[in-house]
Amino acid sequence: MYPGGRGDDESKVQAEQTKVVYHPDAFEELVEAAGYYEACSYGLGERFLDSVENAVNFIRGNALVFSPDKLGRRKYIVKKFPYLLIYRVKEDHIFILAVAHAARKPGYWKSREAEV
């Protein structure tokens, strides 16, 4: 189901066109994690990136499904990998604050409130 509770083609197109902006540190985390997985096993980094891309596409169409914390941040668990996408829904885009390992340094990204 897409935003507005509609399943029509117009809603799907709007969801696909929703802009996604990464905090610079979040983008760096994404690249580092992909590099780590690729070093572990050939092709695993690409599978990680595919899983993150699928997560981003899901968020594009369902950004408000997940409950926000007190500051409006939401979390999505990346399938098959122990990573969370921490994001905020903005008026004209989705802002990804962190690509965070689920079991390391919880909450380290909480100071990333300002878009840069």
PDB file of N, CA and C in Angstrom:
ATOM      1  N   MET A   1       0.857  -1.185   0.000  1.00  0.00           N
ATOM      2  CA  MET A   1       0.000   0.000   0.000  1.00  0.00           C
ATOM      3  C   MET A   1       0.895   1.239   0.000  1.00  0.00           C
ATOM      4  N   TYR A   2       0.498   2.247  -0.691  1.00  0.00           N
ATOM      5  CA  TYR A   2       1.292   3.463  -0.835  1.00  0.00           C
ATOM      6  C   TYR A   2       0.672   4.598  -0.042  1.00  0.00           C
ATOM      7  N   PRO A   3       1.402   5.718   0.105  1.00  0.00           N
ATOM      8  CA  PRO A   3       0.892   6.839   0.893  1.00  0.00           C
ATOM      9  C   PRO A   3      -0.525   7.204   0.497  1.00  0.00           C
ATOM     10  N   GLY A   4      -1.289   7.574   1.469  1.00  0.00           N
ATOM     11  CA  GLY A   4      -2.667   7.963   1.204  1.00  0.00           C
ATOM     12  C   GLY A   4      -3.596   6.768   1.167  1.00  0.00           C
ATOM     13  N   GLY A   5      -3.030   5.565   1.364  1.00  0.00           N
ATOM     14  CA  GLY A   5      -3.857   4.374   1.396  1.00  0.00           C
ATOM     15  C   GLY A   5      -4.355   3.937   0.030  1.00  0.00           C
ATOM     16  N   ARG A   6      -3.828   4.513  -1.039  1.00  0.00           N
ATOM     17  CA  ARG A   6      -4.267   4.141  -2.378  1.00  0.00           C
ATOM     18  C   ARG A   6      -3.274   3.163  -2.976  1.00  0.00           C
ATOM     19  N   GLY A   7      -3.751   2.335  -3.850  1.00  0.00           N
ATOM     20  CA  GLY A   7      -2.877   1.384  -4.508  1.00  0.00           C
ATOM     21  C   GLY A   7      -2.834   1.632  -6.006  1.00  0.00           C
ATOM     22  N   ASP A   8      -3.252   2.803  -6.444  1.00  0.00           N
ATOM     23  CA  ASP A   8      -3.323   3.073  -7.872  1.00  0.00           C
ATOM     24  C   ASP A   8      -1.951   3.428  -8.446  1.00  0.00           C
ATOM     25  N   ASP A   9      -1.879   3.479  -9.778  1.00  0.00           N
ATOM     26  CA  ASP A   9      -0.618   3.747 -10.463  1.00  0.00           C
ATOM     27  C   ASP A   9      -0.053   5.111 -10.119  1.00  0.00           C
ATOM     28  N   GLU A  10      -0.904   6.112  -9.943  1.00  0.00           N
ATOM     29  CA  GLU A  10      -0.431   7.458  -9.619  1.00  0.00           C
ATOM     30  C   GLU A  10       0.318   7.455  -8.285  1.00  0.00           C
ATOM     31  N   SER A  11      -0.190   6.757  -7.305  1.00  0.00           N
ATOM     32  CA  SER A  11       0.467   6.678  -6.002  1.00  0.00           C
ATOM     33  C   SER A  11       1.817   5.983  -6.114  1.00  0.00           C
ATOM     34  N   LYS A  12       1.879   4.923  -6.918  1.00  0.00           N
ATOM     35  CA  LYS A  12       3.137   4.198  -7.104  1.00  0.00           C
ATOM     36  C   LYS A  12       4.190   5.094  -7.742  1.00  0.00           C
ATOM     37  N   VAL A  13       3.797   5.860  -8.730  1.00  0.00           N
ATOM     38  CA  VAL A  13       4.724   6.772  -9.391  1.00  0.00           C
ATOM     39  C   VAL A  13       5.212   7.821  -8.402  1.00  0.00           C
ATOM     40  N   GLN A  14       4.317   8.381  -7.594  1.00  0.00           N
ATOM     41  CA  GLN A  14       4.716   9.373  -6.597  1.00  0.00           C
ATOM     42  C   GLN A  14       5.719   8.776  -5.613  1.00  0.00           C
ATOM     43  N   ALA A  15       5.480   7.561  -5.175  1.00  0.00           N
ATOM     44  CA  ALA A  15       6.393   6.920  -4.225  1.00  0.00           C
ATOM     45  C   ALA A  15       7.761   6.701  -4.860  1.00  0.00           C
ATOM     46  N   GLU A  16       7.790   6.245  -6.115  1.00  0.00           N
ATOM     47  CA  GLU A  16       9.053   6.004  -6.805  1.00  0.00           C
ATOM     48  C   GLU A  16       9.834   7.288  -7.025  1.00  0.00           C
ATOM     49  N   GLN A  17       9.148   8.416  -7.112  1.00  0.00           N
ATOM     50  CA  GLN A  17       9.803   9.680  -7.375  1.00  0.00           C
ATOM     51  C   GLN A  17      10.180  10.426  -6.098  1.00  0.00           C
ATOM     52  N   THR A  18       9.814   9.902  -4.947  1.00  0.00           N
ATOM     53  CA  THR A  18      10.157  10.553  -3.695  1.00  0.00           C
ATOM     54  C   THR A  18      11.675  10.595  -3.575  1.00  0.00           C
ATOM     55  N   LYS A  19      12.191  11.787  -3.352  1.00  0.00           N
ATOM     56  CA  LYS A  19      13.632  11.973  -3.249  1.00  0.00           C
ATOM     57  C   LYS A  19      14.125  11.446  -1.909  1.00  0.00           C
ATOM     58  N   VAL A  20      15.276  10.792  -1.938  1.00  0.00           N
ATOM     59  CA  VAL A  20      15.916  10.303  -0.733  1.00  0.00           C
ATOM     60  C   VAL A  20      17.280  10.988  -0.632  1.00  0.00           C
ATOM     61  N   VAL A  21      17.534  11.598   0.531  1.00  0.00           N
ATOM     62  CA  VAL A  21      18.792  12.311   0.773  1.00  0.00           C
ATOM     63  C   VAL A  21      19.486  11.644   1.951  1.00  0.00           C
ATOM     64  N   TYR A  22      20.771  11.338   1.782  1.00  0.00           N
ATOM     65  CA  TYR A  22      21.563  10.738   2.848  1.00  0.00           C
ATOM     66  C   TYR A  22      22.380  11.804   3.564  1.00  0.00           C
ATOM     67  N   HIS A  23      22.402  11.742   4.881  1.00  0.00           N
ATOM     68  CA  HIS A  23      23.371  12.521   5.654  1.00  0.00           C
ATOM     69  C   HIS A  23      24.741  12.033   5.179  1.00  0.00           C
ATOM     70  N   PRO A  24      25.730  12.918   5.037  1.00  0.00           N
ATOM     71  CA  PRO A  24      27.046  12.475   4.551  1.00  0.00           C
ATOM     72  C   PRO A  24      27.638  11.317   5.360  1.00  0.00           C
ATOM     73  N   ASP A  25      27.450  11.333   6.669  1.00  0.00           N
ATOM     74  CA  ASP A  25      27.962  10.240   7.498  1.00  0.00           C
ATOM     75  C   ASP A  25      27.205   8.943   7.229  1.00  0.00           C
ATOM     76  N   ALA A  26      25.922   9.034   6.949  1.00  0.00           N
ATOM     77  CA  ALA A  26      25.126   7.842   6.632  1.00  0.00           C
ATOM     78  C   ALA A  26      25.587   7.230   5.319  1.00  0.00           C
ATOM     79  N   PHE A  27      25.878   8.083   4.344  1.00  0.00           N
ATOM     80  CA  PHE A  27      26.359   7.572   3.058  1.00  0.00           C
ATOM     81  C   PHE A  27      27.714   6.887   3.250  1.00  0.00           C
ATOM     82  N   GLU A  28      28.567   7.472   4.076  1.00  0.00           N
ATOM     83  CA  GLU A  28      29.868   6.867   4.366  1.00  0.00           C
ATOM     84  C   GLU A  28      29.689   5.510   5.051  1.00  0.00           C
ATOM     85  N   GLU A  29      28.731   5.422   5.961  1.00  0.00           N
ATOM     86  CA  GLU A  29      28.448   4.149   6.628  1.00  0.00           C
ATOM     87  C   GLU A  29      28.007   3.094   5.625  1.00  0.00           C
ATOM     88  N   LEU A  30      27.193   3.496   4.681  1.00  0.00           N
ATOM     89  CA  LEU A  30      26.714   2.585   3.643  1.00  0.00           C
ATOM     90  C   LEU A  30      27.883   2.037   2.828  1.00  0.00           C
ATOM     91  N   VAL A  31      28.757   2.918   2.397  1.00  0.00           N
ATOM     92  CA  VAL A  31      29.916   2.515   1.589  1.00  0.00           C
ATOM     93  C   VAL A  31      30.848   1.607   2.393  1.00  0.00           C
ATOM     94  N   GLU A  32      31.101   1.979   3.648  1.00  0.00           N
ATOM     95  CA  GLU A  32      31.989   1.171   4.489  1.00  0.00           C
ATOM     96  C   GLU A  32      31.420  -0.227   4.732  1.00  0.00           C
ATOM     97  N   ALA A  33      30.133  -0.309   5.017  1.00  0.00           N
ATOM     98  CA  ALA A  33      29.513  -1.614   5.269  1.00  0.00           C
ATOM     99  C   ALA A  33      29.561  -2.479   4.018  1.00  0.00           C
ATOM    100  N   ALA A  34      29.279  -1.891   2.867  1.00  0.00           N
ATOM    101  CA  ALA A  34      29.330  -2.645   1.611  1.00  0.00           C
ATOM    102  C   ALA A  34      30.756  -3.148   1.368  1.00  0.00           C
ATOM    103  N   GLY A  35      31.750  -2.302   1.626  1.00  0.00           N
ATOM    104  CA  GLY A  35      33.144  -2.707   1.464  1.00  0.00           C
ATOM    105  C   GLY A  35      33.521  -3.839   2.405  1.00  0.00           C
ATOM    106  N   TYR A  36      33.055  -3.747   3.638  1.00  0.00           N
ATOM    107  CA  TYR A  36      33.320  -4.801   4.616  1.00  0.00           C
ATOM    108  C   TYR A  36      32.738  -6.135   4.135  1.00  0.00           C
ATOM    109  N   TYR A  37      31.475  -6.115   3.725  1.00  0.00           N
ATOM    110  CA  TYR A  37      30.840  -7.354   3.277  1.00  0.00           C
ATOM    111  C   TYR A  37      31.505  -7.908   2.027  1.00  0.00           C
ATOM    112  N   GLU A  38      31.913  -7.037   1.132  1.00  0.00           N
ATOM    113  CA  GLU A  38      32.575  -7.487  -0.093  1.00  0.00           C
ATOM    114  C   GLU A  38      33.918  -8.137   0.249  1.00  0.00           C
ATOM    115  N   ALA A  39      34.628  -7.578   1.244  1.00  0.00           N
ATOM    116  CA  ALA A  39      35.909  -8.159   1.667  1.00  0.00           C
ATOM    117  C   ALA A  39      35.708  -9.537   2.307  1.00  0.00           C
ATOM    118  N   CYS A  40      34.558  -9.724   2.927  1.00  0.00           N
ATOM    119  CA  CYS A  40      34.257 -11.017   3.551  1.00  0.00           C
ATOM    120  C   CYS A  40      33.968 -12.089   2.511  1.00  0.00           C
ATOM    121  N   SER A  41      33.239 -11.702   1.481  1.00  0.00           N
ATOM    122  CA  SER A  41      32.842 -12.677   0.461  1.00  0.00           C
ATOM    123  C   SER A  41      32.467 -11.949  -0.830  1.00  0.00           C
ATOM    124  N   TYR A  42      33.046 -12.389  -1.927  1.00  0.00           N
ATOM    125  CA  TYR A  42      32.784 -11.764  -3.221  1.00  0.00           C
ATOM    126  C   TYR A  42      31.278 -11.744  -3.506  1.00  0.00           C
ATOM    127  N   GLY A  43      30.758 -10.572  -3.813  1.00  0.00           N
ATOM    128  CA  GLY A  43      29.347 -10.413  -4.141  1.00  0.00           C
ATOM    129  C   GLY A  43      28.464 -10.062  -2.953  1.00  0.00           C
ATOM    130  N   LEU A  44      28.975 -10.266  -1.741  1.00  0.00           N
ATOM    131  CA  LEU A  44      28.161  -9.987  -0.559  1.00  0.00           C
ATOM    132  C   LEU A  44      27.921  -8.489  -0.381  1.00  0.00           C
ATOM    133  N   GLY A  45      28.903  -7.681  -0.738  1.00  0.00           N
ATOM    134  CA  GLY A  45      28.728  -6.227  -0.676  1.00  0.00           C
ATOM    135  C   GLY A  45      27.613  -5.770  -1.592  1.00  0.00           C
ATOM    136  N   GLU A  46      27.552  -6.357  -2.780  1.00  0.00           N
ATOM    137  CA  GLU A  46      26.488  -6.018  -3.736  1.00  0.00           C
ATOM    138  C   GLU A  46      25.123  -6.455  -3.198  1.00  0.00           C
ATOM    139  N   ARG A  47      25.082  -7.611  -2.560  1.00  0.00           N
ATOM    140  CA  ARG A  47      23.812  -8.064  -1.965  1.00  0.00           C
ATOM    141  C   ARG A  47      23.373  -7.133  -0.838  1.00  0.00           C
ATOM    142  N   PHE A  48      24.342  -6.640  -0.065  1.00  0.00           N
ATOM    143  CA  PHE A  48      24.022  -5.676   0.981  1.00  0.00           C
ATOM    144  C   PHE A  48      23.425  -4.409   0.361  1.00  0.00           C
ATOM    145  N   LEU A  49      24.069  -3.892  -0.673  1.00  0.00           N
ATOM    146  CA  LEU A  49      23.561  -2.684  -1.334  1.00  0.00           C
ATOM    147  C   LEU A  49      22.177  -2.916  -1.932  1.00  0.00           C
ATOM    148  N   ASP A  50      21.953  -4.099  -2.488  1.00  0.00           N
ATOM    149  CA  ASP A  50      20.618  -4.427  -3.017  1.00  0.00           C
ATOM    150  C   ASP A  50      19.577  -4.430  -1.899  1.00  0.00           C
ATOM    151  N   SER A  51      19.933  -4.980  -0.738  1.00  0.00           N
ATOM    152  CA  SER A  51      19.002  -5.003   0.399  1.00  0.00           C
ATOM    153  C   SER A  51      18.690  -3.597   0.893  1.00  0.00           C
ATOM    154  N   VAL A  52      19.706  -2.738   0.923  1.00  0.00           N
ATOM    155  CA  VAL A  52      19.482  -1.349   1.335  1.00  0.00           C
ATOM    156  C   VAL A  52      18.609  -0.644   0.301  1.00  0.00           C
ATOM    157  N   GLU A  53      18.863  -0.888  -0.969  1.00  0.00           N
ATOM    158  CA  GLU A  53      18.037  -0.275  -2.017  1.00  0.00           C
ATOM    159  C   GLU A  53      16.577  -0.722  -1.895  1.00  0.00           C
ATOM    160  N   ASN A  54      16.367  -2.005  -1.618  1.00  0.00           N
ATOM    161  CA  ASN A  54      15.000  -2.501  -1.415  1.00  0.00           C
ATOM    162  C   ASN A  54      14.360  -1.834  -0.204  1.00  0.00           C
ATOM    163  N   ALA A  55      15.136  -1.645   0.858  1.00  0.00           N
ATOM    164  CA  ALA A  55      14.627  -0.975   2.052  1.00  0.00           C
ATOM    165  C   ALA A  55      14.234   0.462   1.737  1.00  0.00           C
ATOM    166  N   VAL A  56      15.090   1.163   1.011  1.00  0.00           N
ATOM    167  CA  VAL A  56      14.801   2.553   0.635  1.00  0.00           C
ATOM    168  C   VAL A  56      13.543   2.615  -0.213  1.00  0.00           C
ATOM    169  N   ASN A  57      13.400   1.701  -1.149  1.00  0.00           N
ATOM    170  CA  ASN A  57      12.197   1.690  -1.986  1.00  0.00           C
ATOM    171  C   ASN A  57      10.944   1.415  -1.165  1.00  0.00           C
ATOM    172  N   PHE A  58      11.052   0.535  -0.172  1.00  0.00           N
ATOM    173  CA  PHE A  58       9.915   0.287   0.702  1.00  0.00           C
ATOM    174  C   PHE A  58       9.572   1.551   1.488  1.00  0.00           C
ATOM    175  N   ILE A  59      10.579   2.200   2.034  1.00  0.00           N
ATOM    176  CA  ILE A  59      10.358   3.428   2.796  1.00  0.00           C
ATOM    177  C   ILE A  59       9.715   4.489   1.925  1.00  0.00           C
ATOM    178  N   ARG A  60      10.158   4.606   0.684  1.00  0.00           N
ATOM    179  CA  ARG A  60       9.575   5.601  -0.234  1.00  0.00           C
ATOM    180  C   ARG A  60       8.057   5.452  -0.308  1.00  0.00           C
ATOM    181  N   GLY A  61       7.594   4.242  -0.369  1.00  0.00           N
ATOM    182  CA  GLY A  61       6.166   4.005  -0.515  1.00  0.00           C
ATOM    183  C   GLY A  61       5.405   3.854   0.782  1.00  0.00           C
ATOM    184  N   ASN A  62       6.131   3.734   1.889  1.00  0.00           N
ATOM    185  CA  ASN A  62       5.483   3.456   3.173  1.00  0.00           C
ATOM    186  C   ASN A  62       6.154   4.212   4.314  1.00  0.00           C
ATOM    187  N   ALA A  63       6.622   5.398   4.058  1.00  0.00           N
ATOM    188  CA  ALA A  63       7.457   6.147   5.008  1.00  0.00           C
ATOM    189  C   ALA A  63       6.791   6.367   6.360  1.00  0.00           C
ATOM    190  N   LEU A  64       5.484   6.484   6.389  1.00  0.00           N
ATOM    191  CA  LEU A  64       4.798   6.802   7.641  1.00  0.00           C
ATOM    192  C   LEU A  64       4.333   5.571   8.415  1.00  0.00           C
ATOM    193  N   VAL A  65       4.625   4.391   7.891  1.00  0.00           N
ATOM    194  CA  VAL A  65       4.186   3.150   8.531  1.00  0.00           C
ATOM    195  C   VAL A  65       4.848   2.964   9.893  1.00  0.00           C
ATOM    196  N   PHE A  66       6.108   3.324  10.003  1.00  0.00           N
ATOM    197  CA  PHE A  66       6.853   3.100  11.234  1.00  0.00           C
ATOM    198  C   PHE A  66       6.671   4.273  12.189  1.00  0.00           C
ATOM    199  N   SER A  67       6.488   3.963  13.451  1.00  0.00           N
ATOM    200  CA  SER A  67       6.243   4.998  14.455  1.00  0.00           C
ATOM    201  C   SER A  67       7.494   5.845  14.677  1.00  0.00           C
ATOM    202  N   PRO A  68       7.301   7.164  14.739  1.00  0.00           N
ATOM    203  CA  PRO A  68       8.447   8.034  15.001  1.00  0.00           C
ATOM    204  C   PRO A  68       8.768   8.083  16.492  1.00  0.00           C
ATOM    205  N   ASP A  69      10.023   8.402  16.808  1.00  0.00           N
ATOM    206  CA  ASP A  69      10.357   8.668  18.203  1.00  0.00           C
ATOM    207  C   ASP A  69       9.936  10.103  18.517  1.00  0.00           C
ATOM    208  N   LYS A  70      10.297  10.600  19.678  1.00  0.00           N
ATOM    209  CA  LYS A  70       9.872  11.941  20.099  1.00  0.00           C
ATOM    210  C   LYS A  70      10.367  13.040  19.162  1.00  0.00           C
ATOM    211  N   LEU A  71      11.453  12.778  18.455  1.00  0.00           N
ATOM    212  CA  LEU A  71      12.023  13.782  17.551  1.00  0.00           C
ATOM    213  C   LEU A  71      11.698  13.516  16.085  1.00  0.00           C
ATOM    214  N   GLY A  72      10.804  12.557  15.837  1.00  0.00           N
ATOM    215  CA  GLY A  72      10.356  12.297  14.472  1.00  0.00           C
ATOM    216  C   GLY A  72      11.218  11.341  13.676  1.00  0.00           C
ATOM    217  N   ARG A  73      12.161  10.683  14.314  1.00  0.00           N
ATOM    218  CA  ARG A  73      13.027   9.730  13.615  1.00  0.00           C
ATOM    219  C   ARG A  73      12.339   8.367  13.568  1.00  0.00           C
ATOM    220  N   ARG A  74      12.511   7.689  12.467  1.00  0.00           N
ATOM    221  CA  ARG A  74      11.911   6.369  12.276  1.00  0.00           C
ATOM    222  C   ARG A  74      13.003   5.367  11.929  1.00  0.00           C
ATOM    223  N   LYS A  75      12.732   4.078  12.140  1.00  0.00           N
ATOM    224  CA  LYS A  75      13.723   3.036  11.879  1.00  0.00           C
ATOM    225  C   LYS A  75      13.130   1.967  10.972  1.00  0.00           C
ATOM    226  N   TYR A  76      13.969   1.494  10.072  1.00  0.00           N
ATOM    227  CA  TYR A  76      13.596   0.367   9.224  1.00  0.00           C
ATOM    228  C   TYR A  76      14.728  -0.650   9.281  1.00  0.00           C
ATOM    229  N   ILE A  77      14.408  -1.904   9.525  1.00  0.00           N
ATOM    230  CA  ILE A  77      15.413  -2.961   9.588  1.00  0.00           C
ATOM    231  C   ILE A  77      15.661  -3.492   8.179  1.00  0.00           C
ATOM    232  N   VAL A  78      16.925  -3.462   7.764  1.00  0.00           N
ATOM    233  CA  VAL A  78      17.310  -3.968   6.444  1.00  0.00           C
ATOM    234  C   VAL A  78      17.212  -5.490   6.481  1.00  0.00           C
ATOM    235  N   LYS A  79      16.530  -6.060   5.513  1.00  0.00           N
ATOM    236  CA  LYS A  79      16.340  -7.508   5.472  1.00  0.00           C
ATOM    237  C   LYS A  79      17.662  -8.230   5.185  1.00  0.00           C
ATOM    238  N   LYS A  80      17.891  -9.315   5.910  1.00  0.00           N
ATOM    239  CA  LYS A  80      19.039 -10.216   5.761  1.00  0.00           C
ATOM    240  C   LYS A  80      20.368  -9.647   6.252  1.00  0.00           C
ATOM    241  N   PHE A  81      20.371  -8.428   6.772  1.00  0.00           N
ATOM    242  CA  PHE A  81      21.590  -7.823   7.297  1.00  0.00           C
ATOM    243  C   PHE A  81      21.259  -7.111   8.605  1.00  0.00           C
ATOM    244  N   PRO A  82      22.203  -7.069   9.539  1.00  0.00           N
ATOM    245  CA  PRO A  82      21.917  -6.449  10.845  1.00  0.00           C
ATOM    246  C   PRO A  82      22.081  -4.928  10.825  1.00  0.00           C
ATOM    247  N   TYR A  83      21.363  -4.277   9.937  1.00  0.00           N
ATOM    248  CA  TYR A  83      21.462  -2.824   9.797  1.00  0.00           C
ATOM    249  C   TYR A  83      20.091  -2.179   9.873  1.00  0.00           C
ATOM    250  N   LEU A  84      20.091  -0.961  10.384  1.00  0.00           N
ATOM    251  CA  LEU A  84      18.890  -0.142  10.453  1.00  0.00           C
ATOM    252  C   LEU A  84      19.087   1.082   9.578  1.00  0.00           C
ATOM    253  N   LEU A  85      18.029   1.498   8.920  1.00  0.00           N
ATOM    254  CA  LEU A  85      18.016   2.806   8.276  1.00  0.00           C
ATOM    255  C   LEU A  85      17.249   3.715   9.217  1.00  0.00           C
ATOM    256  N   ILE A  86      17.910   4.747   9.696  1.00  0.00           N
ATOM    257  CA  ILE A  86      17.278   5.729  10.566  1.00  0.00           C
ATOM    258  C   ILE A  86      16.945   6.914   9.671  1.00  0.00           C
ATOM    259  N   TYR A  87      15.670   7.309   9.644  1.00  0.00           N
ATOM    260  CA  TYR A  87      15.274   8.355   8.706  1.00  0.00           C
ATOM    261  C   TYR A  87      14.226   9.283   9.299  1.00  0.00           C
ATOM    262  N   ARG A  88      14.088  10.413   8.627  1.00  0.00           N
ATOM    263  CA  ARG A  88      13.043  11.391   8.947  1.00  0.00           C
ATOM    264  C   ARG A  88      12.257  11.645   7.664  1.00  0.00           C
ATOM    265  N   VAL A  89      10.977  11.836   7.821  1.00  0.00           N
ATOM    266  CA  VAL A  89      10.131  12.185   6.690  1.00  0.00           C
ATOM    267  C   VAL A  89      10.045  13.709   6.648  1.00  0.00           C
ATOM    268  N   LYS A  90      10.521  14.273   5.568  1.00  0.00           N
ATOM    269  CA  LYS A  90      10.466  15.719   5.368  1.00  0.00           C
ATOM    270  C   LYS A  90       9.323  16.016   4.398  1.00  0.00           C
ATOM    271  N   GLU A  91       9.034  17.299   4.226  1.00  0.00           N
ATOM    272  CA  GLU A  91       7.921  17.683   3.354  1.00  0.00           C
ATOM    273  C   GLU A  91       8.114  17.200   1.918  1.00  0.00           C
ATOM    274  N   ASP A  92       9.334  17.302   1.405  1.00  0.00           N
ATOM    275  CA  ASP A  92       9.551  16.961  -0.005  1.00  0.00           C
ATOM    276  C   ASP A  92      10.571  15.848  -0.220  1.00  0.00           C
ATOM    277  N   HIS A  93      11.011  15.189   0.845  1.00  0.00           N
ATOM    278  CA  HIS A  93      11.972  14.099   0.700  1.00  0.00           C
ATOM    279  C   HIS A  93      12.073  13.271   1.979  1.00  0.00           C
ATOM    280  N   ILE A  94      12.819  12.190   1.866  1.00  0.00           N
ATOM    281  CA  ILE A  94      13.135  11.348   3.015  1.00  0.00           C
ATOM    282  C   ILE A  94      14.613  11.558   3.300  1.00  0.00           C
ATOM    283  N   PHE A  95      14.935  11.844   4.556  1.00  0.00           N
ATOM    284  CA  PHE A  95      16.311  12.129   4.946  1.00  0.00           C
ATOM    285  C   PHE A  95      16.832  10.974   5.789  1.00  0.00           C
ATOM    286  N   ILE A  96      17.836  10.267   5.286  1.00  0.00           N
ATOM    287  CA  ILE A  96      18.416   9.142   6.014  1.00  0.00           C
ATOM    288  C   ILE A  96      19.546   9.658   6.890  1.00  0.00           C
ATOM    289  N   LEU A  97      19.342   9.542   8.192  1.00  0.00           N
ATOM    290  CA  LEU A  97      20.315  10.015   9.172  1.00  0.00           C
ATOM    291  C   LEU A  97      21.459   9.035   9.384  1.00  0.00           C
ATOM    292  N   ALA A  98      21.160   7.740   9.283  1.00  0.00           N
ATOM    293  CA  ALA A  98      22.195   6.743   9.568  1.00  0.00           C
ATOM    294  C   ALA A  98      21.887   5.420   8.895  1.00  0.00           C
ATOM    295  N   VAL A  99      22.951   4.727   8.539  1.00  0.00           N
ATOM    296  CA  VAL A  99      22.898   3.328   8.131  1.00  0.00           C
ATOM    297  C   VAL A  99      23.661   2.638   9.260  1.00  0.00           C
ATOM    298  N   ALA A 100      22.927   2.238  10.286  1.00  0.00           N
ATOM    299  CA  ALA A 100      23.522   1.842  11.556  1.00  0.00           C
ATOM    300  C   ALA A 100      23.478   0.339  11.779  1.00  0.00           C
ATOM    301  N   HIS A 101      24.608  -0.223  12.204  1.00  0.00           N
ATOM    302  CA  HIS A 101      24.633  -1.626  12.595  1.00  0.00           C
ATOM    303  C   HIS A 101      23.737  -1.769  13.826  1.00  0.00           C
ATOM    304  N   ALA A 102      22.886  -2.752  13.817  1.00  0.00           N
ATOM    305  CA  ALA A 102      21.875  -2.905  14.871  1.00  0.00           C
ATOM    306  C   ALA A 102      22.451  -3.260  16.240  1.00  0.00           C
ATOM    307  N   ALA A 103      23.681  -3.795  16.276  1.00  0.00           N
ATOM    308  CA  ALA A 103      24.225  -4.243  17.552  1.00  0.00           C
ATOM    309  C   ALA A 103      25.456  -3.460  18.003  1.00  0.00           C
ATOM    310  N   ARG A 104      25.803  -2.409  17.288  1.00  0.00           N
ATOM    311  CA  ARG A 104      26.996  -1.644  17.650  1.00  0.00           C
ATOM    312  C   ARG A 104      26.646  -0.208  17.994  1.00  0.00           C
ATOM    313  N   LYS A 105      27.207   0.288  19.055  1.00  0.00           N
ATOM    314  CA  LYS A 105      27.074   1.689  19.463  1.00  0.00           C
ATOM    315  C   LYS A 105      25.659   2.238  19.291  1.00  0.00           C
ATOM    316  N   PRO A 106      24.689   1.698  20.001  1.00  0.00           N
ATOM    317  CA  PRO A 106      23.312   2.166  19.835  1.00  0.00           C
ATOM    318  C   PRO A 106      23.189   3.675  20.063  1.00  0.00           C
ATOM    319  N   GLY A 107      22.467   4.318  19.190  1.00  0.00           N
ATOM    320  CA  GLY A 107      22.158   5.731  19.348  1.00  0.00           C
ATOM    321  C   GLY A 107      23.262   6.701  19.012  1.00  0.00           C
ATOM    322  N   TYR A 108      24.384   6.231  18.485  1.00  0.00           N
ATOM    323  CA  TYR A 108      25.495   7.136  18.171  1.00  0.00           C
ATOM    324  C   TYR A 108      25.088   8.226  17.175  1.00  0.00           C
ATOM    325  N   TRP A 109      24.097   7.968  16.397  1.00  0.00           N
ATOM    326  CA  TRP A 109      23.663   8.853  15.319  1.00  0.00           C
ATOM    327  C   TRP A 109      22.696   9.939  15.802  1.00  0.00           C
ATOM    328  N   LYS A 110      22.311   9.910  17.062  1.00  0.00           N
ATOM    329  CA  LYS A 110      21.266  10.823  17.545  1.00  0.00           C
ATOM    330  C   LYS A 110      21.622  12.289  17.440  1.00  0.00           C
ATOM    331  N   SER A 111      22.884  12.616  17.333  1.00  0.00           N
ATOM    332  CA  SER A 111      23.275  14.020  17.202  1.00  0.00           C
ATOM    333  C   SER A 111      23.142  14.521  15.764  1.00  0.00           C
ATOM    334  N   ARG A 112      22.800  13.658  14.851  1.00  0.00           N
ATOM    335  CA  ARG A 112      22.672  14.037  13.438  1.00  0.00           C
ATOM    336  C   ARG A 112      21.277  14.589  13.140  1.00  0.00           C
ATOM    337  N   GLU A 113      21.011  15.728  13.609  1.00  0.00           N
ATOM    338  CA  GLU A 113      19.681  16.292  13.397  1.00  0.00           C
ATOM    339  C   GLU A 113      19.640  17.283  12.249  1.00  0.00           C
ATOM    340  N   ALA A 114      20.716  17.991  12.039  1.00  0.00           N
ATOM    341  CA  ALA A 114      20.709  19.034  11.006  1.00  0.00           C
ATOM    342  C   ALA A 114      21.114  18.429   9.665  1.00  0.00           C
ATOM    343  N   GLU A 115      20.421  18.815   8.634  1.00  0.00           N
ATOM    344  CA  GLU A 115      20.825  18.397   7.301  1.00  0.00           C
ATOM    345  C   GLU A 115      22.023  19.220   6.889  1.00  0.00           C
ATOM    346  N   VAL A 116      22.973  18.563   6.250  1.00  0.00           N
ATOM    347  CA  VAL A 116      24.170  19.270   5.786  1.00  0.00           C
ATOM    348  C   VAL A 116      24.269  19.194   4.289  1.00  0.00           C
TER     349      VAL A 116
END
